[in-house]
Protein backbone atom coordinates (compact mmCIF):
# COMPACT_ATOMS: atom_id res chain seq x y z
CA MET A 1 -12.43 -19.03 4.26
CA ARG A 2 -15.41 -16.74 3.89
CA LEU A 3 -15.34 -13.82 6.31
CA ASN A 4 -18.49 -13.59 8.42
CA ILE A 5 -20.06 -10.31 9.51
CA LYS A 6 -18.27 -10.24 12.88
CA ASP A 7 -14.87 -10.84 11.29
CA ARG A 8 -15.55 -8.13 8.72
CA LYS A 9 -16.49 -5.60 11.40
CA VAL A 10 -13.34 -6.33 13.40
CA LEU A 11 -11.14 -6.12 10.29
CA ALA A 12 -12.79 -2.86 9.24
CA GLU A 13 -11.97 -1.23 12.58
CA LEU A 14 -8.36 -2.51 12.51
CA ASP A 15 -8.03 -1.19 8.97
CA LYS A 16 -9.10 2.28 10.10
CA ASN A 17 -6.63 2.17 12.99
CA ALA A 18 -4.49 -0.93 13.54
CA ARG A 19 -3.50 0.35 17.02
CA ILE A 20 -7.07 0.44 18.29
CA SER A 21 -7.65 -1.62 21.45
CA CYS A 22 -9.91 -4.65 21.59
CA ALA A 23 -12.15 -2.83 24.08
CA GLN A 24 -12.58 0.10 21.67
CA ILE A 25 -13.40 -2.25 18.79
CA GLY A 26 -15.94 -4.01 20.99
CA ARG A 27 -17.73 -0.74 21.81
CA LYS A 28 -17.81 0.27 18.13
CA VAL A 29 -19.15 -3.00 16.72
CA GLY A 30 -21.23 -4.30 19.64
CA LEU A 31 -19.04 -7.24 20.65
CA SER A 32 -17.46 -8.14 23.98
CA LEU A 33 -13.74 -7.60 24.55
CA GLU A 34 -13.27 -11.39 24.80
CA VAL A 35 -14.98 -12.00 21.45
CA VAL A 36 -12.93 -9.28 19.72
CA ASN A 37 -9.68 -10.62 21.18
CA TYR A 38 -10.59 -14.17 20.12
CA ARG A 39 -11.46 -13.13 16.58
CA ILE A 40 -8.26 -11.10 16.10
CA LYS A 41 -6.13 -14.01 17.31
CA LYS A 42 -8.07 -16.36 15.00
CA LEU A 43 -7.56 -14.07 11.99
CA GLU A 44 -3.84 -13.84 12.81
CA LYS A 45 -3.49 -17.61 13.30
CA LEU A 46 -5.25 -18.34 10.02
CA GLY A 47 -2.91 -15.87 8.32
CA ILE A 48 -5.76 -13.68 7.03
CA ILE A 49 -4.13 -10.72 8.80
CA SER A 50 -0.59 -11.08 7.46
CA LYS A 51 0.83 -7.83 8.83
CA TYR A 52 -0.03 -4.66 10.73
CA GLN A 53 1.16 -2.00 8.34
CA THR A 54 2.04 1.68 8.67
CA VAL A 55 1.29 3.97 5.73
CA VAL A 56 3.32 7.20 5.70
CA ASN A 57 3.13 10.57 4.01
CA TYR A 58 6.27 10.56 1.85
CA ALA A 59 6.18 14.30 1.18
CA LYS A 60 6.24 15.18 4.87
CA LEU A 61 9.20 12.83 5.35
CA GLY A 62 11.03 14.49 2.46
CA LEU A 63 10.91 11.34 0.33
CA ILE A 64 10.43 10.93 -3.42
CA HIS A 65 8.45 7.86 -4.47
CA PHE A 66 9.08 6.17 -7.81
CA LYS A 67 8.53 2.79 -9.40
CA ILE A 68 10.56 0.64 -11.80
CA CYS A 69 8.68 -1.97 -13.84
CA LEU A 70 10.53 -4.82 -15.55
CA LYS A 71 9.64 -7.31 -18.29
CA PHE A 72 11.84 -10.41 -18.30
CA ASN A 73 12.96 -12.58 -21.22
CA GLY A 74 12.50 -15.85 -19.36
CA LEU A 75 13.68 -16.99 -15.95
CA SER A 76 13.84 -20.34 -14.19
CA LEU A 77 12.22 -20.43 -10.75
CA GLN A 78 15.64 -20.83 -9.16
CA GLU A 79 17.06 -17.79 -11.00
CA GLU A 80 13.92 -15.85 -10.18
CA GLU A 81 14.18 -16.42 -6.43
CA LYS A 82 17.85 -15.42 -6.41
CA LEU A 83 17.02 -12.27 -8.38
CA TYR A 84 14.20 -11.18 -6.07
CA LYS A 85 16.37 -11.83 -3.03
CA LYS A 86 19.08 -9.50 -4.42
CA LEU A 87 16.55 -6.83 -5.39
CA GLY A 88 14.91 -7.01 -1.96
CA SER A 89 18.25 -6.38 -0.25
CA ILE A 90 18.35 -2.82 -1.66
CA LYS A 91 17.44 -0.56 1.27
CA GLU A 92 15.53 1.95 -0.82
CA VAL A 93 13.19 -0.74 -2.19
CA ILE A 94 9.94 -0.59 -0.21
CA TRP A 95 7.67 -2.78 -2.36
CA LEU A 96 8.80 -5.67 -4.55
CA VAL A 97 6.35 -7.96 -6.36
CA LYS A 98 6.21 -10.66 -8.98
CA CYS A 99 3.33 -10.12 -11.39
CA GLN A 100 1.71 -11.10 -14.68
CA GLY A 101 0.45 -8.90 -17.48
CA ASP A 102 2.34 -6.12 -19.22
CA TRP A 103 5.05 -6.38 -16.54
CA ASP A 104 6.69 -9.25 -14.67
CA CYS A 105 8.16 -7.30 -11.75
CA MET A 106 7.27 -4.03 -10.00
CA ILE A 107 9.68 -2.27 -7.66
CA SER A 108 8.70 0.76 -5.57
CA CYS A 109 11.48 2.88 -4.09
CA THR A 110 11.88 6.01 -2.00
CA VAL A 111 14.84 8.39 -2.01
CA GLU A 112 15.55 11.76 -0.42
CA ASP A 113 17.04 13.44 -3.49
CA TYR A 114 16.47 13.20 -7.25
CA SER A 115 20.20 12.57 -7.73
CA GLU A 116 19.74 9.19 -6.01
CA ILE A 117 17.16 7.94 -8.51
CA ASP A 118 19.68 7.09 -11.22
CA LEU A 119 21.90 5.36 -8.67
CA ILE A 120 19.05 3.10 -7.50
CA LYS A 121 17.84 2.48 -11.06
CA ASP A 122 21.38 1.55 -12.18
CA LYS A 123 21.76 -0.76 -9.17
CA ILE A 124 18.51 -2.56 -10.03
CA VAL A 125 19.38 -2.82 -13.73
CA SER A 126 22.88 -4.11 -12.98
CA ILE A 127 21.40 -6.91 -10.83
CA ALA A 128 18.76 -7.93 -13.40
CA HIS A 129 20.32 -6.83 -16.73
CA LYS A 130 20.78 -10.38 -18.10
CA HIS A 131 17.04 -10.99 -17.91
CA ILE A 132 15.51 -7.58 -18.75
CA LEU A 133 13.49 -7.43 -21.97
CA ASP A 134 11.91 -4.04 -21.25
CA LYS A 135 11.73 -1.51 -18.42
CA THR A 136 10.04 1.75 -17.51
CA VAL A 137 10.17 4.27 -14.67
CA SER A 138 7.28 6.27 -13.21
CA PHE A 139 7.21 8.97 -10.54
CA SER A 140 4.35 9.42 -8.08
CA SER A 141 3.00 12.97 -7.99
CA GLU A 142 0.09 12.04 -5.71
CA ILE A 143 -0.77 8.92 -3.71
CA TRP A 144 -3.99 8.24 -1.85
CA SER A 145 -4.60 5.37 0.57
CA PHE A 146 -8.15 4.27 1.42
CA THR A 147 -9.62 2.22 4.24
CA ARG A 148 -11.59 -0.87 3.17
CA GLY A 149 -15.12 0.50 3.06
CA TYR A 150 -16.46 -2.67 1.45
CA LEU A 151 -15.79 -4.72 4.61
CA SER A 152 -18.54 -3.06 6.62
CA ASN A 153 -20.45 -1.06 3.98
CA GLU A 154 -19.24 2.21 5.48
CA GLN A 155 -17.81 5.30 3.84
CA HIS A 156 -14.10 4.75 3.47
CA LYS A 157 -11.49 7.25 4.66
CA LYS A 158 -8.72 8.74 2.55
CA PHE A 159 -5.11 9.36 3.63
CA ASP A 160 -2.83 11.52 1.46
CA MET A 161 0.63 9.96 1.08
CA VAL A 162 2.21 12.73 -1.02
CA SER A 163 0.91 15.96 0.44
CA GLY A 164 2.38 18.96 2.26
CA ASN A 165 5.89 20.15 2.98
CA LYS A 166 8.74 18.27 4.61
CA LEU A 167 8.64 18.32 8.41
CA ARG A 168 11.62 18.26 10.74
CA LEU A 169 11.85 14.88 12.49
CA ASP A 170 14.61 13.76 14.84
CA LYS A 171 16.26 10.35 15.26
CA ILE A 172 13.67 9.18 17.79
CA ASP A 173 10.80 9.97 15.40
CA ILE A 174 12.52 8.06 12.58
CA LYS A 175 13.29 5.11 14.86
CA ILE A 176 9.64 4.90 15.93
CA LEU A 177 8.50 5.06 12.30
CA ARG A 178 10.88 2.25 11.33
CA LEU A 179 9.59 0.06 14.17
CA LEU A 180 5.98 0.77 13.24
CA ALA A 181 6.70 0.00 9.58
CA ASP A 182 7.41 -3.57 10.65
CA ASN A 183 4.47 -3.78 13.07
CA SER A 184 2.03 -0.89 13.46
CA ARG A 185 0.38 -2.63 16.43
CA MET A 186 3.59 -2.82 18.47
CA SER A 187 2.91 -1.81 22.07
CA ILE A 188 4.14 1.52 23.44
CA ILE A 189 6.25 -0.40 25.98
CA ASN A 190 8.06 -2.29 23.20
CA LEU A 191 8.39 0.86 21.12
CA ALA A 192 10.00 2.63 24.08
CA THR A 193 12.36 -0.27 24.78
CA LYS A 194 13.45 -0.71 21.17
CA SER A 195 13.90 3.04 20.59
CA ASN A 196 15.83 3.49 23.87
CA THR A 197 13.45 6.08 25.26
CA THR A 198 10.51 6.33 27.66
CA ILE A 199 6.83 5.44 27.34
CA LYS A 200 5.92 9.11 27.83
CA VAL A 201 8.23 10.20 24.99
CA VAL A 202 6.85 7.54 22.61
CA SER A 203 3.25 8.44 23.48
CA THR A 204 3.95 12.14 22.84
CA ARG A 205 5.73 11.42 19.56
CA LEU A 206 2.92 9.18 18.29
CA LYS A 207 0.35 11.89 19.01
CA LYS A 208 2.51 14.40 17.12
CA LEU A 209 2.97 12.10 14.10
CA LEU A 210 -0.79 11.51 13.93
CA LYS A 211 -1.64 15.20 14.37
CA GLU A 212 0.76 16.11 11.54
CA LYS A 213 -0.87 13.40 9.37
CA ILE A 214 2.48 11.70 8.80
CA LEU A 215 1.19 8.17 9.29
CA SER A 216 -1.83 5.91 9.27
CA TYR A 217 -2.11 2.45 10.85
CA ARG A 218 -3.47 -0.25 8.54
CA ILE A 219 -3.64 -4.01 8.10
CA LEU A 220 -2.25 -6.17 5.30
CA LEU A 221 -4.45 -9.10 4.25
CA ASP A 222 -3.47 -12.43 2.74
CA TYR A 223 -5.76 -12.35 -0.30
CA GLU A 224 -5.82 -16.09 -0.92
CA LYS A 225 -6.66 -16.95 2.68
CA ALA A 226 -9.23 -14.17 2.96
CA ASN A 227 -10.80 -15.20 -0.37
CA ILE A 228 -10.31 -11.69 -1.78
CA ASN A 229 -9.09 -10.78 -5.26
CA PHE A 230 -6.43 -8.07 -5.61
CA PHE A 231 -6.25 -6.08 -8.85
CA LYS A 232 -3.71 -3.44 -9.89
CA VAL A 233 -4.96 -1.28 -12.75
CA LEU A 234 -2.80 0.93 -14.97
CA ILE A 235 -4.85 3.68 -16.61
CA TYR A 236 -3.57 5.33 -19.79
CA LEU A 237 -5.24 8.63 -20.70
CA LYS A 238 -5.78 10.34 -24.04
CA ASP A 239 -7.07 13.58 -22.54
CA THR A 240 -6.07 15.28 -19.28
CA LYS A 241 -8.45 18.25 -19.22
CA SER A 242 -9.03 19.13 -15.59
CA GLU A 243 -12.83 18.71 -15.51
CA ARG A 244 -12.66 15.27 -17.17
CA LEU A 245 -9.72 14.24 -15.03
CA ASN A 246 -11.49 15.27 -11.83
CA SER A 247 -14.57 13.30 -12.87
CA LEU A 248 -12.45 10.16 -13.36
CA ILE A 249 -10.68 10.64 -10.03
CA ASP A 250 -14.02 11.08 -8.25
CA GLU A 251 -15.28 7.87 -9.87
CA LEU A 252 -12.22 5.92 -8.74
CA HIS A 253 -12.20 7.33 -5.22
CA SER A 254 -15.89 6.78 -4.62
CA ASN A 255 -15.59 3.03 -5.18
CA PRO A 256 -15.54 1.28 -1.77
CA HIS A 257 -13.16 -1.39 -3.14
CA ILE A 258 -10.27 0.99 -3.89
CA ILE A 259 -7.35 0.74 -1.44
CA PHE A 260 -4.64 2.79 -3.20
CA ASN A 261 -4.58 5.25 -6.08
CA LEU A 262 -1.39 6.74 -7.53
CA LYS A 263 -1.23 9.63 -9.96
CA VAL A 264 2.04 9.16 -11.81
CA ILE A 265 4.36 10.72 -14.35
CA GLY A 266 5.28 7.97 -16.79
CA GLU A 267 3.81 5.80 -19.54
CA TRP A 268 0.44 5.72 -17.78
CA GLU A 269 -1.28 8.34 -15.62
CA PHE A 270 -2.88 6.33 -12.80
CA GLU A 271 -2.13 3.15 -10.85
CA SER A 272 -5.23 2.10 -8.99
CA GLU A 273 -5.47 -0.88 -6.63
CA PHE A 274 -8.71 -2.66 -5.80
CA GLU A 275 -9.90 -5.52 -3.62
CA PHE A 276 -13.00 -7.40 -4.78
CA GLU A 277 -14.49 -10.55 -3.34
CA ASN A 278 -16.25 -11.24 -6.62
CA GLU A 279 -14.16 -11.05 -9.80
CA SER A 280 -17.22 -10.47 -11.98
CA ASP A 281 -18.02 -7.31 -9.94
CA PHE A 282 -14.52 -6.02 -10.70
CA LYS A 283 -14.91 -6.73 -14.43
CA LYS A 284 -18.24 -4.92 -14.45
CA PHE A 285 -16.70 -1.94 -12.66
CA ILE A 286 -13.87 -1.73 -15.22
CA GLN A 287 -16.29 -1.99 -18.15
CA ASP A 288 -18.53 0.70 -16.65
CA LEU A 289 -15.45 2.89 -16.07
CA LEU A 290 -14.41 2.54 -19.72
CA ASN A 291 -17.92 3.24 -20.97
CA LYS A 292 -18.43 6.27 -18.78
CA HIS A 293 -14.97 7.81 -19.36
CA ASN A 294 -14.21 6.73 -22.93
CA ASN A 295 -13.57 10.39 -23.78
CA ILE A 296 -10.51 10.42 -21.52
CA ILE A 297 -9.32 6.80 -21.09
CA LYS A 298 -7.09 5.45 -23.87
CA ARG A 299 -6.71 1.97 -22.40
CA ILE A 300 -6.54 0.01 -19.16
CA SER A 301 -3.96 -2.63 -18.28
CA ILE A 302 -4.72 -5.08 -15.47
CA ILE A 303 -1.72 -6.41 -13.55
CA ASP A 304 -2.04 -9.66 -11.60
CA ILE A 305 0.14 -9.61 -8.47
CA ILE A 306 1.40 -13.16 -7.89
CA LYS A 307 3.72 -12.71 -4.91
CA GLU A 308 4.88 -9.87 -2.67
CA TYR A 309 8.53 -10.17 -1.65
CA LYS A 310 8.88 -6.91 0.27
CA TYR A 311 6.29 -4.41 1.51
CA PRO A 312 7.31 -2.21 4.47
CA LEU A 313 6.18 0.95 2.56
CA PHE A 314 8.76 2.96 4.48
CA SER A 315 12.55 3.07 4.55
CA LYS A 316 14.73 5.97 5.62
């Protein structure tokens, strides 16, 4: 379906803060509480909102984020489903997708120590070794998450996901984060019940986690049902001089369609993710990017995400 202006306004507010109340949304966008509540339920029922997601700052949780990309030598659909099920059972895997392009599978993981990286990589390779034609590993040095500015033509907000020093969190904090990873809109009452604590404690902890910029509450959209195109772009650089690099980063971050940008150590330097309602607008943006930054960009690889098998974005 095509999103109308009221739906877009509601989604934009939920994307800035998925825990916002219907009354607050109504005041911000000029709709009644009843209309907001109706539209949210409609968007959930239609599957356009597929999940209420929590984005976390990995650095402040003491986590290292890395990605393993695999190219397969041919798989039947039955073998493929079995393989993804096994890969998804690995606790450290936080994002698992089937894709087309230079790579057939992308696996994001988080670990607490560099010594664990080889263990996770070996576990993944041992599960898929019969089908692996090629593989590569990249490490995220910086990750930025952006609200969907294009939904309401507003300036989007940025959340740093690899920034700052590790903070000391206790078991209750971690339990709350795990619960929110599955549903960032879960009520405080349910959070208190499931974490075996009180409403007052949960409320205090949530305020602390927000103040320390450890988390951000977002929504996950079903692209097909929302009629939105998702593009993952791998950017290979031939020059990394700071002034040219900063100019490229500014160009990427100023685009209202960007939702994630990763600066990585690996075969490529950036992984940028975009949502466009019009594919031709995306193609024009990429061409303009290449033309404007041809002195620094070696090449761009566009990855088509076919199916997401796992996407909590947090596991500890």
